[in-house]
Amino acid sequence: GYPDELNATAKIALTLKHRLRGGESELEIFYRGLAQADCLYDNLCAVDENFDLRLRRLQEWQEHEPGSIAPLVALMRFWHVAAWAARGCGFIKDVTPAQLQEFGERLGTEMGYARQIKPEDDPEATRLLLELGRDVNLPRPQVDAIFAAGRKHFPTYFPIYTTYANMVQEKWSGSRDLAVPYRPSLLSDPDRDTAEVAYSFSSVILLYATEDDDVYNAVTGLDWPTVRHAFATRERVYGLAPRDWIAVCYFAAVAGDRAAARDAFAHFAGQMTYWPKRGSHDFYLYVLPWIMARNNGPTDGPSHEP
């Protein structure tokens, strides 16, 4: 039956050997598909039309495999998504008391599963424990300990790095001095390929640590040569998906590197799905004309002046 099929899939996915182009692991897709309505990308505020059915199936899986970690992780992720769907993704000033109450109640249910799981049990468990720590304001040393454990046991489960990169942004941490130390901490990993792939994933998160196109600064600690090299390593190891090439194009455009932006565009042309910060309309109005210009001289990047 389906519990046995889920167990077999989980067992294989937990090896982290099966990945999509760009480095996304089968395990990420497995848990996303089980726990939320949108299995392509995280969309925590989507309404799940199959909420009750999804929950019942996950509970049946857990009852069928009471000693297995995977059903617990899936249920923990389910309630994490459910909590944020109840809260909504708006600013706190726009969240009603009723929404906050349901958010807290569902986080409490998630925490019940979390108490049965350790970071080293499962890669996704590490990521979820980090997010739960953020949501309940866990002290920074405890958050750091979760991250360190996950990084040690599952160094190539890259959502661990992106989740932590999100948490060191000022909007979550309340501090402006956490993102910069995070960058060299990644590149200090003795496995250079893993370090640079993790850096490439995290850089996409860190670019949102500041406003507008102010990406290469003292808040993020990012610089274009390092970002470019990190994505080149990721392309060599895992290949790059169109969404990844869009990120490369953005970083190149902000850096004023028209040749690199043009090369990246050649890899995703016709598959524009998003443009960081400003939206795809900005890409077509300003960035694409700049990319297509025949002038290859020095440039500050595309002008956004009307």
Protein backbone atom coordinates (compact mmCIF):
# COMPACT_ATOMS: atom_id res chain seq x y z
CA GLY A 1 0.00 0.00 0.00
CA TYR A 2 0.94 3.66 -0.08
CA PRO A 3 2.71 3.65 3.37
CA ASP A 4 5.17 1.07 2.02
CA GLU A 5 5.67 3.11 -1.14
CA LEU A 6 6.31 6.24 0.93
CA ASN A 7 8.83 4.37 3.07
CA ALA A 8 10.67 3.09 0.01
CA THR A 9 10.79 6.56 -1.56
CA ALA A 10 11.93 8.15 1.69
CA LYS A 11 14.71 5.60 2.13
CA ILE A 12 16.14 6.34 -1.30
CA ALA A 13 15.61 10.09 -1.06
CA LEU A 14 17.41 10.26 2.28
CA THR A 15 20.65 9.26 0.56
CA LEU A 16 20.59 12.70 -1.13
CA LYS A 17 22.02 11.09 -4.27
CA HIS A 18 19.08 11.95 -6.54
CA ARG A 19 18.81 15.59 -7.60
CA LEU A 20 17.29 17.87 -10.19
CA ARG A 21 19.41 20.14 -12.33
CA GLY A 22 20.64 22.92 -10.08
CA GLY A 23 21.18 20.69 -7.05
CA GLU A 24 17.69 20.44 -5.57
CA SER A 25 17.42 17.04 -3.90
CA GLU A 26 14.64 14.52 -4.35
CA LEU A 27 14.13 14.66 -0.59
CA GLU A 28 13.08 18.33 -0.76
CA ILE A 29 10.48 17.57 -3.41
CA PHE A 30 9.29 14.48 -1.53
CA TYR A 31 8.49 16.36 1.67
CA ARG A 32 7.08 19.37 -0.15
CA GLY A 33 4.72 17.20 -2.15
CA LEU A 34 3.50 15.44 1.00
CA ALA A 35 3.05 18.49 3.19
CA GLN A 36 1.70 21.34 1.06
CA ALA A 37 -0.49 22.24 -1.88
CA ASP A 38 2.33 23.69 -4.03
CA CYS A 39 5.06 21.08 -4.45
CA LEU A 40 7.19 23.09 -6.87
CA TYR A 41 8.33 25.95 -4.64
CA ASP A 42 7.61 27.05 -1.12
CA ASN A 43 4.35 28.96 -0.94
CA LEU A 44 3.41 28.94 2.70
CA CYS A 45 0.32 31.07 2.25
CA ALA A 46 -1.38 28.94 -0.38
CA VAL A 47 -4.77 27.52 0.56
CA ASP A 48 -4.62 23.72 0.69
CA GLU A 49 -7.88 22.41 -0.75
CA ASN A 50 -6.94 18.91 0.45
CA PHE A 51 -5.96 19.87 4.02
CA ASP A 52 -8.04 17.24 5.83
CA LEU A 53 -7.22 14.46 3.38
CA ARG A 54 -3.51 15.29 3.45
CA LEU A 55 -3.46 15.27 7.24
CA ARG A 56 -5.35 11.97 7.43
CA ARG A 57 -2.97 10.27 5.01
CA LEU A 58 0.09 11.49 6.92
CA GLN A 59 -1.40 10.31 10.21
CA GLU A 60 -2.14 6.90 8.67
CA TRP A 61 1.47 6.70 7.52
CA GLN A 62 2.71 7.49 11.02
CA GLU A 63 0.39 4.89 12.56
CA HIS A 64 1.63 2.31 10.05
CA GLU A 65 5.29 3.13 10.83
CA PRO A 66 5.34 4.24 14.50
CA GLY A 67 9.13 3.94 14.76
CA SER A 68 9.96 5.83 11.57
CA ILE A 69 11.27 9.40 11.50
CA ALA A 70 10.04 10.27 7.99
CA PRO A 71 6.30 10.42 8.86
CA LEU A 72 7.09 12.63 11.86
CA VAL A 73 9.11 14.99 9.66
CA ALA A 74 6.31 15.09 7.09
CA LEU A 75 3.75 15.90 9.80
CA MET A 76 6.03 18.53 11.27
CA ARG A 77 6.33 20.16 7.86
CA PHE A 78 2.57 19.88 7.32
CA TRP A 79 1.86 21.82 10.53
CA HIS A 80 4.59 24.34 9.77
CA VAL A 81 2.93 25.13 6.44
CA ALA A 82 -0.51 25.08 8.08
CA ALA A 83 0.63 27.56 10.73
CA TRP A 84 1.84 30.06 8.16
CA ALA A 85 -1.24 29.57 6.01
CA ALA A 86 -3.33 30.48 9.07
CA ARG A 87 -1.20 33.51 9.89
CA GLY A 88 -0.82 34.77 6.32
CA CYS A 89 2.42 36.19 4.90
CA GLY A 90 1.65 39.85 5.49
CA PHE A 91 3.37 42.20 7.90
CA ILE A 92 2.53 41.71 11.55
CA LYS A 93 0.43 44.89 11.61
CA ASP A 94 -1.91 43.27 9.07
CA VAL A 95 -2.34 40.01 10.99
CA THR A 96 -5.51 39.73 13.08
CA PRO A 97 -5.60 38.39 16.67
CA ALA A 98 -7.57 35.38 15.43
CA GLN A 99 -4.90 34.63 12.85
CA LEU A 100 -2.16 34.89 15.45
CA GLN A 101 -4.04 32.60 17.79
CA GLU A 102 -4.43 29.90 15.14
CA PHE A 103 -0.79 30.41 14.14
CA GLY A 104 0.27 29.74 17.72
CA GLU A 105 -1.99 26.71 18.07
CA ARG A 106 -0.66 25.11 14.91
CA LEU A 107 2.93 25.87 15.90
CA GLY A 108 2.16 24.07 19.16
CA THR A 109 1.08 21.00 17.20
CA GLU A 110 4.25 21.23 15.12
CA MET A 111 6.30 21.47 18.29
CA GLY A 112 4.75 18.23 19.54
CA TYR A 113 6.31 16.41 16.59
CA ALA A 114 9.54 18.40 16.87
CA ARG A 115 10.11 17.09 20.40
CA GLN A 116 10.38 13.59 18.92
CA ILE A 117 13.03 14.55 16.36
CA LYS A 118 16.72 15.51 16.55
CA PRO A 119 18.55 17.55 13.88
CA GLU A 120 20.76 14.60 12.98
CA ASP A 121 17.76 12.31 12.32
CA ASP A 122 16.86 13.71 8.91
CA PRO A 123 18.06 16.62 6.72
CA GLU A 124 14.62 18.19 6.46
CA ALA A 125 14.19 17.81 10.21
CA THR A 126 17.17 20.13 10.64
CA ARG A 127 15.64 22.73 8.35
CA LEU A 128 12.26 22.54 10.05
CA LEU A 129 13.79 22.81 13.51
CA LEU A 130 15.59 25.97 12.36
CA GLU A 131 12.35 27.50 11.08
CA LEU A 132 10.48 26.52 14.22
CA GLY A 133 13.28 28.10 16.26
CA ARG A 134 12.76 31.32 14.31
CA ASP A 135 9.00 31.23 14.77
CA VAL A 136 9.16 30.72 18.55
CA ASN A 137 12.17 33.02 19.09
CA LEU A 138 14.56 30.31 20.21
CA PRO A 139 17.77 31.80 21.68
CA ARG A 140 20.50 32.31 19.08
CA PRO A 141 22.95 29.75 20.62
CA GLN A 142 20.32 27.02 20.31
CA VAL A 143 19.56 28.00 16.71
CA ASP A 144 23.27 27.95 15.90
CA ALA A 145 23.61 24.51 17.49
CA ILE A 146 20.82 23.15 15.27
CA PHE A 147 22.49 24.60 12.19
CA ALA A 148 25.89 23.19 13.16
CA ALA A 149 24.43 19.71 13.72
CA GLY A 150 22.60 19.71 10.40
CA ARG A 151 25.62 21.01 8.51
CA LYS A 152 27.82 18.33 10.06
CA HIS A 153 25.52 15.41 9.30
CA PHE A 154 23.99 16.58 5.98
CA PRO A 155 26.47 18.99 4.34
CA THR A 156 24.86 18.71 0.89
CA TYR A 157 21.28 19.36 1.99
CA PHE A 158 21.35 22.95 0.84
CA PRO A 159 17.98 24.12 2.27
CA ILE A 160 19.71 24.07 5.66
CA TYR A 161 22.02 26.84 4.43
CA THR A 162 19.30 28.91 2.79
CA THR A 163 17.06 28.69 5.85
CA TYR A 164 19.87 29.86 8.10
CA ALA A 165 20.78 32.60 5.60
CA ASN A 166 17.21 33.85 5.87
CA MET A 167 17.39 33.80 9.66
CA VAL A 168 20.52 35.98 9.82
CA GLN A 169 18.76 38.76 7.93
CA GLU A 170 17.95 41.73 10.13
CA LYS A 171 14.19 41.36 9.63
CA TRP A 172 14.35 38.04 11.51
CA SER A 173 17.42 38.29 13.71
CA GLY A 174 17.05 41.95 14.67
CA SER A 175 20.78 42.35 14.08
CA ARG A 176 22.70 43.83 11.15
CA ASP A 177 25.97 42.04 11.95
CA LEU A 178 25.10 38.37 11.39
CA ALA A 179 24.95 38.04 7.58
CA VAL A 180 28.56 39.06 6.92
CA PRO A 181 30.19 36.48 9.26
CA TYR A 182 27.96 33.82 7.73
CA ARG A 183 29.60 34.24 4.30
CA PRO A 184 33.18 33.30 5.28
CA SER A 185 31.83 30.57 7.54
CA LEU A 186 30.47 28.87 4.43
CA LEU A 187 33.63 29.26 2.39
CA SER A 188 35.78 27.90 5.21
CA ASP A 189 34.33 24.42 4.69
CA PRO A 190 37.19 22.04 3.69
CA ASP A 191 34.96 20.52 0.97
CA ARG A 192 35.38 23.43 -1.42
CA ASP A 193 32.72 22.35 -3.91
CA THR A 194 30.08 21.93 -1.20
CA ALA A 195 31.11 25.25 0.33
CA GLU A 196 30.71 27.16 -2.92
CA VAL A 197 27.42 25.48 -3.86
CA ALA A 198 26.07 26.36 -0.41
CA TYR A 199 27.32 29.92 -0.93
CA SER A 200 25.48 30.15 -4.27
CA PHE A 201 22.21 29.04 -2.68
CA SER A 202 22.62 31.38 0.29
CA SER A 203 23.57 34.37 -1.84
CA VAL A 204 20.11 34.36 -3.42
CA ILE A 205 18.59 34.66 0.05
CA LEU A 206 21.04 37.29 1.27
CA LEU A 207 20.37 39.61 -1.65
CA TYR A 208 17.03 40.34 0.05
CA ALA A 209 18.81 41.56 3.19
CA THR A 210 18.90 45.10 1.75
CA GLU A 211 16.61 47.34 -0.25
CA ASP A 212 16.50 47.89 -4.01
CA ASP A 213 19.59 46.61 -5.86
CA ASP A 214 22.00 47.31 -3.02
CA VAL A 215 23.37 43.76 -3.01
CA TYR A 216 27.14 44.06 -2.66
CA ASN A 217 27.58 45.81 0.66
CA ALA A 218 28.67 45.51 4.27
CA VAL A 219 25.29 44.05 5.31
CA THR A 220 25.32 41.02 2.99
CA GLY A 221 29.07 40.56 2.63
CA LEU A 222 28.47 39.51 -0.97
CA ASP A 223 30.75 40.39 -3.87
CA TRP A 224 30.29 39.58 -7.54
CA PRO A 225 33.57 37.66 -8.19
CA THR A 226 32.82 35.25 -5.32
CA VAL A 227 29.16 34.87 -6.28
CA ARG A 228 30.10 34.26 -9.90
CA HIS A 229 32.67 31.62 -8.98
CA ALA A 230 30.20 29.91 -6.61
CA PHE A 231 27.57 29.58 -9.32
CA ALA A 232 30.21 28.33 -11.76
CA THR A 233 31.06 25.59 -9.28
CA ARG A 234 27.41 24.72 -8.86
CA GLU A 235 27.01 24.55 -12.64
CA ARG A 236 29.95 22.15 -12.84
CA VAL A 237 28.70 19.92 -10.00
CA TYR A 238 24.92 19.94 -10.50
CA GLY A 239 24.18 22.03 -13.55
CA LEU A 240 21.96 25.12 -13.32
CA ALA A 241 18.21 25.32 -13.89
CA PRO A 242 16.66 28.35 -15.66
CA ARG A 243 15.72 29.84 -12.27
CA ASP A 244 19.38 29.66 -11.24
CA TRP A 245 20.51 31.36 -14.43
CA ILE A 246 18.03 34.16 -13.72
CA ALA A 247 19.75 34.68 -10.36
CA VAL A 248 23.16 34.75 -12.05
CA CYS A 249 21.84 37.30 -14.56
CA TYR A 250 20.55 39.48 -11.73
CA PHE A 251 23.83 39.39 -9.83
CA ALA A 252 25.74 40.18 -13.04
CA ALA A 253 23.42 43.05 -13.96
CA VAL A 254 23.78 44.66 -10.53
CA ALA A 255 27.55 44.30 -10.86
CA GLY A 256 27.46 45.89 -14.32
CA ASP A 257 28.94 42.77 -15.96
CA ARG A 258 27.08 42.84 -19.25
CA ALA A 259 28.95 39.88 -20.80
CA ALA A 260 28.08 37.61 -17.86
CA ALA A 261 24.47 38.84 -17.83
CA ARG A 262 24.20 38.19 -21.56
CA ASP A 263 25.58 34.68 -21.16
CA ALA A 264 23.14 33.92 -18.32
CA PHE A 265 20.24 35.27 -20.37
CA ALA A 266 21.13 32.89 -23.20
CA HIS A 267 20.52 30.00 -20.79
CA PHE A 268 17.02 31.03 -19.65
CA ALA A 269 15.66 33.10 -22.57
CA GLY A 270 11.97 32.33 -22.96
CA GLN A 271 11.75 30.88 -19.44
CA MET A 272 11.55 34.07 -17.38
CA THR A 273 9.65 33.15 -14.22
CA TYR A 274 10.71 35.89 -11.83
CA TRP A 275 13.17 38.76 -11.45
CA PRO A 276 14.56 39.41 -7.96
CA LYS A 277 13.28 42.43 -6.05
CA ARG A 278 11.89 44.53 -8.91
CA GLY A 279 9.72 42.04 -10.82
CA SER A 280 9.79 40.74 -14.40
CA HIS A 281 8.39 43.98 -15.84
CA ASP A 282 11.59 45.71 -14.73
CA PHE A 283 13.65 43.07 -16.50
CA TYR A 284 11.90 43.64 -19.82
CA LEU A 285 11.85 47.45 -19.53
CA TYR A 286 15.42 48.06 -18.37
CA VAL A 287 17.61 45.00 -18.01
CA LEU A 288 16.96 43.23 -21.31
CA PRO A 289 17.64 46.35 -23.45
CA TRP A 290 20.89 46.81 -21.54
CA ILE A 291 21.85 43.16 -22.06
CA MET A 292 21.10 43.31 -25.78
CA ALA A 293 23.00 46.57 -26.37
CA ARG A 294 26.05 46.07 -28.57
CA ASN A 295 28.18 48.39 -26.47
CA ASN A 296 30.54 46.18 -24.46
CA GLY A 297 32.36 49.01 -22.74
CA PRO A 298 32.42 49.65 -18.98
CA THR A 299 29.00 50.05 -17.44
CA ASP A 300 27.33 50.56 -14.08
CA GLY A 301 24.53 48.25 -15.11
CA PRO A 302 21.07 48.91 -16.52
CA SER A 303 19.59 52.33 -15.81
CA HIS A 304 16.20 52.34 -14.13
CA GLU A 305 15.63 56.01 -14.82
CA PRO A 306 12.42 56.70 -16.80
